[in-house]
Amino acid sequence: MADYLSLWWVWICIALALGVVELLAPGFIFLGFGLGALAMAGVVLLAPGINIPALLALFAVLSLIAWIILRMGFRKQSSGARIVTKDINDN
């Protein structure tokens, strides 16, 4: 019987499920895991002989890298909020 985590389409399904969870609970938490799962689909497709513990460790590393890149990319966005330093009532 084949290990299910060594099938590339399982990682695609995991990525889609994590994308749906991200839509339901926004905050860019699950998006990093979803991108990690999507990258794992490519890894499993190119190197199908990797064992399960190595796959899970690689998934963790790829998810962390994706999360860090997302944090750096979305940090540059501004909310448009203005910081008031002087009150009009101060004389």
N, C-alpha and C. Protein backbone atom coordinates (compact mmCIF):
# COMPACT_ATOMS: atom_id res chain seq x y z
N MET A 1 0.84 -1.19 0.00
CA MET A 1 0.00 0.00 0.00
C MET A 1 0.88 1.24 0.00
N ALA A 2 0.54 2.20 -0.83
CA ALA A 2 1.36 3.41 -0.98
C ALA A 2 1.11 4.36 0.19
N ASP A 3 2.15 5.08 0.57
CA ASP A 3 2.00 6.10 1.59
C ASP A 3 1.27 7.29 0.97
N TYR A 4 0.22 7.73 1.62
CA TYR A 4 -0.60 8.77 1.03
C TYR A 4 0.11 10.12 0.97
N LEU A 5 1.03 10.38 1.89
CA LEU A 5 1.73 11.66 1.85
C LEU A 5 2.78 11.70 0.76
N SER A 6 3.06 10.56 0.10
CA SER A 6 3.99 10.60 -1.01
C SER A 6 3.31 10.77 -2.35
N LEU A 7 2.02 11.04 -2.35
CA LEU A 7 1.29 11.30 -3.58
C LEU A 7 1.15 12.81 -3.75
N TRP A 8 1.49 13.31 -4.93
CA TRP A 8 1.50 14.75 -5.14
C TRP A 8 0.11 15.35 -5.04
N TRP A 9 -0.92 14.63 -5.46
CA TRP A 9 -2.26 15.21 -5.46
C TRP A 9 -2.81 15.37 -4.04
N VAL A 10 -2.29 14.58 -3.10
CA VAL A 10 -2.72 14.75 -1.70
C VAL A 10 -2.24 16.10 -1.17
N TRP A 11 -1.03 16.50 -1.57
CA TRP A 11 -0.51 17.79 -1.13
C TRP A 11 -1.29 18.94 -1.77
N ILE A 12 -1.74 18.75 -3.01
CA ILE A 12 -2.58 19.77 -3.65
C ILE A 12 -3.90 19.92 -2.89
N CYS A 13 -4.49 18.80 -2.50
CA CYS A 13 -5.74 18.84 -1.72
C CYS A 13 -5.53 19.51 -0.37
N ILE A 14 -4.41 19.22 0.27
CA ILE A 14 -4.09 19.86 1.55
C ILE A 14 -3.94 21.37 1.36
N ALA A 15 -3.25 21.77 0.27
CA ALA A 15 -3.06 23.20 -0.01
C ALA A 15 -4.40 23.89 -0.24
N LEU A 16 -5.29 23.25 -0.99
CA LEU A 16 -6.61 23.84 -1.22
C LEU A 16 -7.43 23.93 0.07
N ALA A 17 -7.36 22.90 0.89
CA ALA A 17 -8.08 22.93 2.17
C ALA A 17 -7.55 24.04 3.07
N LEU A 18 -6.24 24.21 3.11
CA LEU A 18 -5.66 25.28 3.92
C LEU A 18 -6.00 26.66 3.35
N GLY A 19 -6.13 26.75 2.03
CA GLY A 19 -6.57 28.01 1.43
C GLY A 19 -7.99 28.36 1.82
N VAL A 20 -8.86 27.36 1.88
CA VAL A 20 -10.24 27.60 2.32
C VAL A 20 -10.28 28.00 3.79
N VAL A 21 -9.46 27.36 4.61
CA VAL A 21 -9.39 27.72 6.03
C VAL A 21 -8.89 29.15 6.17
N GLU A 22 -7.95 29.56 5.33
CA GLU A 22 -7.45 30.93 5.37
C GLU A 22 -8.55 31.93 5.01
N LEU A 23 -9.42 31.57 4.10
CA LEU A 23 -10.54 32.45 3.76
C LEU A 23 -11.51 32.59 4.92
N LEU A 24 -11.68 31.52 5.68
CA LEU A 24 -12.62 31.55 6.81
C LEU A 24 -12.02 32.23 8.04
N ALA A 25 -10.72 32.13 8.22
CA ALA A 25 -10.03 32.72 9.36
C ALA A 25 -8.84 33.52 8.87
N PRO A 26 -9.07 34.75 8.35
CA PRO A 26 -7.96 35.51 7.76
C PRO A 26 -6.93 35.92 8.79
N GLY A 27 -5.74 36.15 8.32
CA GLY A 27 -4.65 36.56 9.20
C GLY A 27 -3.32 36.08 8.67
N PHE A 28 -3.29 35.49 7.50
CA PHE A 28 -2.09 34.99 6.85
C PHE A 28 -1.38 33.93 7.68
N ILE A 29 -2.11 33.19 8.49
CA ILE A 29 -1.51 32.10 9.26
C ILE A 29 -1.51 30.83 8.44
N PHE A 30 -2.66 30.48 7.89
CA PHE A 30 -2.78 29.23 7.15
C PHE A 30 -2.28 29.35 5.72
N LEU A 31 -2.10 30.58 5.24
CA LEU A 31 -1.62 30.78 3.87
C LEU A 31 -0.19 30.28 3.72
N GLY A 32 0.63 30.46 4.73
CA GLY A 32 2.00 29.94 4.69
C GLY A 32 2.02 28.42 4.64
N PHE A 33 1.14 27.80 5.42
CA PHE A 33 1.05 26.34 5.39
C PHE A 33 0.52 25.86 4.03
N GLY A 34 -0.42 26.60 3.46
CA GLY A 34 -0.96 26.24 2.15
C GLY A 34 0.10 26.34 1.06
N LEU A 35 0.91 27.39 1.11
CA LEU A 35 1.99 27.52 0.14
C LEU A 35 3.05 26.46 0.34
N GLY A 36 3.29 26.09 1.60
CA GLY A 36 4.22 25.00 1.88
C GLY A 36 3.71 23.68 1.32
N ALA A 37 2.41 23.44 1.44
CA ALA A 37 1.83 22.21 0.90
C ALA A 37 1.87 22.21 -0.62
N LEU A 38 1.67 23.38 -1.22
CA LEU A 38 1.75 23.48 -2.67
C LEU A 38 3.17 23.22 -3.16
N ALA A 39 4.16 23.73 -2.43
CA ALA A 39 5.55 23.45 -2.78
C ALA A 39 5.88 21.97 -2.58
N MET A 40 5.27 21.36 -1.57
CA MET A 40 5.50 19.94 -1.33
C MET A 40 4.95 19.09 -2.47
N ALA A 41 3.87 19.53 -3.11
CA ALA A 41 3.35 18.80 -4.27
C ALA A 41 4.40 18.73 -5.36
N GLY A 42 5.10 19.83 -5.57
CA GLY A 42 6.18 19.84 -6.56
C GLY A 42 7.35 18.96 -6.15
N VAL A 43 7.69 18.99 -4.86
CA VAL A 43 8.79 18.16 -4.37
C VAL A 43 8.46 16.69 -4.53
N VAL A 44 7.25 16.29 -4.15
CA VAL A 44 6.86 14.88 -4.24
C VAL A 44 6.76 14.44 -5.70
N LEU A 45 6.34 15.35 -6.56
CA LEU A 45 6.25 15.02 -7.98
C LEU A 45 7.64 14.80 -8.59
N LEU A 46 8.62 15.60 -8.15
CA LEU A 46 9.97 15.48 -8.69
C LEU A 46 10.79 14.39 -8.02
N ALA A 47 10.57 14.16 -6.73
CA ALA A 47 11.34 13.15 -5.98
C ALA A 47 10.38 12.28 -5.19
N PRO A 48 9.78 11.27 -5.81
CA PRO A 48 8.73 10.50 -5.13
C PRO A 48 9.24 9.51 -4.08
N GLY A 49 10.52 9.28 -3.95
CA GLY A 49 11.02 8.26 -3.04
C GLY A 49 11.34 8.74 -1.64
N ILE A 50 10.93 9.92 -1.26
CA ILE A 50 11.27 10.47 0.06
C ILE A 50 10.36 9.84 1.11
N ASN A 51 10.93 9.50 2.27
CA ASN A 51 10.12 8.87 3.33
C ASN A 51 9.28 9.91 4.07
N ILE A 52 8.31 9.44 4.84
CA ILE A 52 7.32 10.30 5.49
C ILE A 52 7.93 11.30 6.49
N PRO A 53 8.83 10.89 7.39
CA PRO A 53 9.40 11.89 8.30
C PRO A 53 10.15 13.01 7.58
N ALA A 54 10.86 12.66 6.51
CA ALA A 54 11.56 13.68 5.74
C ALA A 54 10.57 14.60 5.03
N LEU A 55 9.48 14.04 4.54
CA LEU A 55 8.44 14.86 3.90
C LEU A 55 7.84 15.86 4.88
N LEU A 56 7.53 15.39 6.07
CA LEU A 56 6.93 16.28 7.07
C LEU A 56 7.91 17.36 7.54
N ALA A 57 9.19 17.01 7.67
CA ALA A 57 10.20 18.00 8.05
C ALA A 57 10.37 19.03 6.95
N LEU A 58 10.39 18.57 5.71
CA LEU A 58 10.51 19.49 4.58
C LEU A 58 9.28 20.38 4.47
N PHE A 59 8.11 19.83 4.75
CA PHE A 59 6.89 20.62 4.75
C PHE A 59 6.97 21.72 5.81
N ALA A 60 7.47 21.41 6.97
CA ALA A 60 7.61 22.41 8.04
C ALA A 60 8.57 23.52 7.62
N VAL A 61 9.68 23.14 7.02
CA VAL A 61 10.67 24.15 6.60
C VAL A 61 10.11 25.02 5.48
N LEU A 62 9.48 24.40 4.48
CA LEU A 62 8.90 25.18 3.38
C LEU A 62 7.77 26.08 3.85
N SER A 63 6.98 25.63 4.79
CA SER A 63 5.90 26.46 5.34
C SER A 63 6.46 27.65 6.11
N LEU A 64 7.53 27.42 6.86
CA LEU A 64 8.16 28.51 7.60
C LEU A 64 8.75 29.54 6.65
N ILE A 65 9.40 29.08 5.59
CA ILE A 65 9.96 30.00 4.60
C ILE A 65 8.85 30.80 3.93
N ALA A 66 7.77 30.14 3.56
CA ALA A 66 6.64 30.83 2.93
C ALA A 66 6.02 31.84 3.89
N TRP A 67 5.90 31.49 5.16
CA TRP A 67 5.32 32.40 6.14
C TRP A 67 6.20 33.63 6.33
N ILE A 68 7.52 33.43 6.38
CA ILE A 68 8.45 34.57 6.54
C ILE A 68 8.38 35.49 5.33
N ILE A 69 8.32 34.91 4.13
CA ILE A 69 8.22 35.73 2.92
C ILE A 69 6.91 36.50 2.90
N LEU A 70 5.82 35.87 3.32
CA LEU A 70 4.54 36.57 3.39
C LEU A 70 4.57 37.70 4.41
N ARG A 71 5.20 37.46 5.55
CA ARG A 71 5.31 38.52 6.58
C ARG A 71 6.10 39.71 6.06
N MET A 72 7.19 39.43 5.34
CA MET A 72 8.00 40.53 4.80
C MET A 72 7.22 41.27 3.71
N GLY A 73 6.47 40.56 2.91
CA GLY A 73 5.71 41.19 1.83
C GLY A 73 4.55 42.01 2.32
N PHE A 74 3.84 41.54 3.31
CA PHE A 74 2.66 42.25 3.80
C PHE A 74 3.00 43.28 4.87
N ARG A 75 4.21 43.28 5.37
CA ARG A 75 4.61 44.29 6.34
C ARG A 75 4.69 45.66 5.68
N LYS A 76 5.02 45.69 4.41
CA LYS A 76 5.19 46.95 3.69
C LYS A 76 3.87 47.64 3.42
N GLN A 77 2.77 46.93 3.51
CA GLN A 77 1.47 47.55 3.27
C GLN A 77 1.08 48.42 4.44
N SER A 78 0.50 49.54 4.12
CA SER A 78 0.05 50.46 5.15
C SER A 78 -1.47 50.36 5.28
N SER A 79 -1.94 50.49 6.49
CA SER A 79 -3.39 50.43 6.70
C SER A 79 -4.05 51.74 6.33
N GLY A 80 -3.28 52.77 6.11
CA GLY A 80 -3.85 54.07 5.77
C GLY A 80 -4.25 54.87 6.99
N ALA A 81 -4.00 54.34 8.18
CA ALA A 81 -4.36 55.05 9.40
C ALA A 81 -3.36 56.19 9.62
N ARG A 82 -3.88 57.29 10.09
CA ARG A 82 -3.06 58.46 10.34
C ARG A 82 -2.73 58.53 11.82
N ILE A 83 -1.49 58.85 12.14
CA ILE A 83 -1.07 59.01 13.53
C ILE A 83 -1.10 60.50 13.86
N VAL A 84 -1.91 60.83 14.84
CA VAL A 84 -2.05 62.23 15.24
C VAL A 84 -1.05 62.51 16.34
N THR A 85 -0.19 63.51 16.11
CA THR A 85 0.81 63.87 17.11
C THR A 85 0.49 65.19 17.79
N LYS A 86 -0.38 66.00 17.17
CA LYS A 86 -0.73 67.29 17.77
C LYS A 86 -2.25 67.41 17.81
N ASP A 87 -2.77 67.73 18.96
CA ASP A 87 -4.21 67.90 19.13
C ASP A 87 -4.57 69.35 18.84
N ILE A 88 -5.71 69.58 18.19
CA ILE A 88 -6.12 70.94 17.85
C ILE A 88 -6.55 71.72 19.10
N ASN A 89 -6.83 71.03 20.18
CA ASN A 89 -7.24 71.70 21.42
C ASN A 89 -6.05 72.13 22.28
N ASP A 90 -4.84 71.64 21.94
CA ASP A 90 -3.66 72.06 22.69
C ASP A 90 -3.26 73.47 22.23
N ASN A 91 -2.96 74.33 23.21
CA ASN A 91 -2.53 75.71 22.88
C ASN A 91 -1.08 75.88 23.08
